[in-house]
Amino acid sequence: MRDDKDPGTFELALPRKRGRPPKFGYAMSDAQRAARYRARRAGQANHADVRKCSDMVLLDKIRGAIRGKDPELTGFLVHVLWQRYPLQLK
């Protein structure tokens, strides 16, 4: 604690807690963190543009297209994924 009226006192640099600071002011449980992750993925899965969704959502869509036996959609989605990571030959 520092006295504002005394110019000779300094703020003590106390050691901080280890790890990343909590996002919402409190530590989330593993279940809460997983629920947020699943909700974020489900939200991305509903977007019309597959070029802007995350890799995991794109893989989920590929898996669904394979399960639905839609070769055209599967080929398109695999092509989108392939465009993200072009092969670099040395």
Protein backbone atom coordinates (compact mmCIF):
# COMPACT_ATOMS: atom_id res chain seq x y z
CA MET A 1 0.00 0.00 0.00
CA ARG A 2 1.28 3.45 -0.86
CA ASP A 3 0.62 6.73 0.93
CA ASP A 4 -0.34 9.40 -1.63
CA LYS A 5 0.74 12.22 0.70
CA ASP A 6 4.27 10.91 1.22
CA PRO A 7 6.44 11.42 -1.89
CA GLY A 8 9.15 9.11 -0.54
CA THR A 9 7.12 5.92 -0.61
CA PHE A 10 7.21 3.62 -3.63
CA GLU A 11 4.72 1.08 -4.89
CA LEU A 12 5.89 -2.39 -4.01
CA ALA A 13 6.29 -4.75 -6.95
CA LEU A 14 4.61 -7.84 -5.53
CA PRO A 15 4.97 -11.10 -7.44
CA ARG A 16 2.01 -11.90 -9.68
CA LYS A 17 0.18 -15.19 -9.83
CA ARG A 18 1.48 -17.80 -12.23
CA GLY A 19 -0.24 -18.48 -15.52
CA ARG A 20 -2.47 -16.55 -17.82
CA PRO A 21 -4.85 -14.05 -16.18
CA PRO A 22 -8.52 -15.05 -16.23
CA LYS A 23 -10.53 -13.73 -19.15
CA PHE A 24 -13.69 -12.73 -17.30
CA GLY A 25 -12.24 -11.94 -13.87
CA TYR A 26 -12.70 -15.51 -12.61
CA ALA A 27 -11.21 -18.85 -13.50
CA MET A 28 -13.43 -20.91 -15.79
CA SER A 29 -13.88 -24.60 -15.17
CA ASP A 30 -12.92 -27.13 -17.83
CA ALA A 31 -16.60 -27.71 -18.60
CA GLN A 32 -17.23 -23.97 -19.10
CA ARG A 33 -14.18 -23.65 -21.34
CA ALA A 34 -15.27 -26.65 -23.43
CA ALA A 35 -18.83 -25.29 -23.71
CA ARG A 36 -17.50 -21.94 -24.99
CA TYR A 37 -15.31 -23.76 -27.52
CA ARG A 38 -18.21 -25.90 -28.78
CA ALA A 39 -20.51 -22.87 -29.03
CA ARG A 40 -17.87 -20.94 -30.99
CA ARG A 41 -17.42 -23.86 -33.39
CA ALA A 42 -21.17 -24.28 -33.81
CA GLY A 43 -21.50 -20.56 -34.51
CA GLN A 44 -18.83 -20.72 -37.18
CA ALA A 45 -20.41 -23.80 -38.75
CA ASN A 46 -23.55 -21.81 -39.58
CA HIS A 47 -21.69 -19.25 -41.70
CA ALA A 48 -22.29 -19.43 -45.42
CA ASP A 49 -18.69 -18.72 -46.45
CA VAL A 50 -16.54 -21.75 -45.72
CA ARG A 51 -13.41 -19.85 -46.70
CA LYS A 52 -13.61 -17.80 -43.50
CA CYS A 53 -14.36 -20.57 -40.99
CA SER A 54 -11.67 -22.24 -38.87
CA ASP A 55 -9.86 -25.41 -39.92
CA MET A 56 -11.69 -27.51 -37.34
CA VAL A 57 -15.09 -26.33 -38.59
CA LEU A 58 -14.00 -27.03 -42.15
CA LEU A 59 -12.93 -30.54 -41.15
CA ASP A 60 -16.32 -31.04 -39.46
CA LYS A 61 -18.01 -29.99 -42.70
CA ILE A 62 -15.82 -32.39 -44.72
CA ARG A 63 -16.68 -35.19 -42.30
CA GLY A 64 -20.39 -34.39 -42.69
CA ALA A 65 -20.15 -34.30 -46.49
CA ILE A 66 -18.44 -37.70 -46.49
CA ARG A 67 -21.09 -39.09 -44.16
CA GLY A 68 -23.80 -37.63 -46.42
CA LYS A 69 -22.13 -39.23 -49.45
CA ASP A 70 -21.89 -35.95 -51.37
CA PRO A 71 -18.72 -36.20 -53.50
CA GLU A 72 -19.06 -32.74 -55.06
CA LEU A 73 -19.33 -30.96 -51.72
CA THR A 74 -16.55 -33.10 -50.26
CA GLY A 75 -14.26 -32.24 -53.18
CA PHE A 76 -15.03 -28.52 -52.87
CA LEU A 77 -14.37 -28.46 -49.12
CA VAL A 78 -11.13 -30.43 -49.48
CA HIS A 79 -10.07 -28.00 -52.20
CA VAL A 80 -10.74 -25.04 -49.87
CA LEU A 81 -8.62 -26.71 -47.18
CA TRP A 82 -5.91 -27.49 -49.72
CA GLN A 83 -5.79 -23.83 -50.81
CA ARG A 84 -5.07 -22.74 -47.24
CA TYR A 85 -1.92 -24.82 -47.06
CA PRO A 86 -0.28 -24.86 -50.47
CA LEU A 87 2.46 -27.40 -51.03
CA GLN A 88 5.87 -25.75 -51.08
CA LEU A 89 8.37 -27.76 -53.06
CA LYS A 90 12.06 -27.18 -52.39
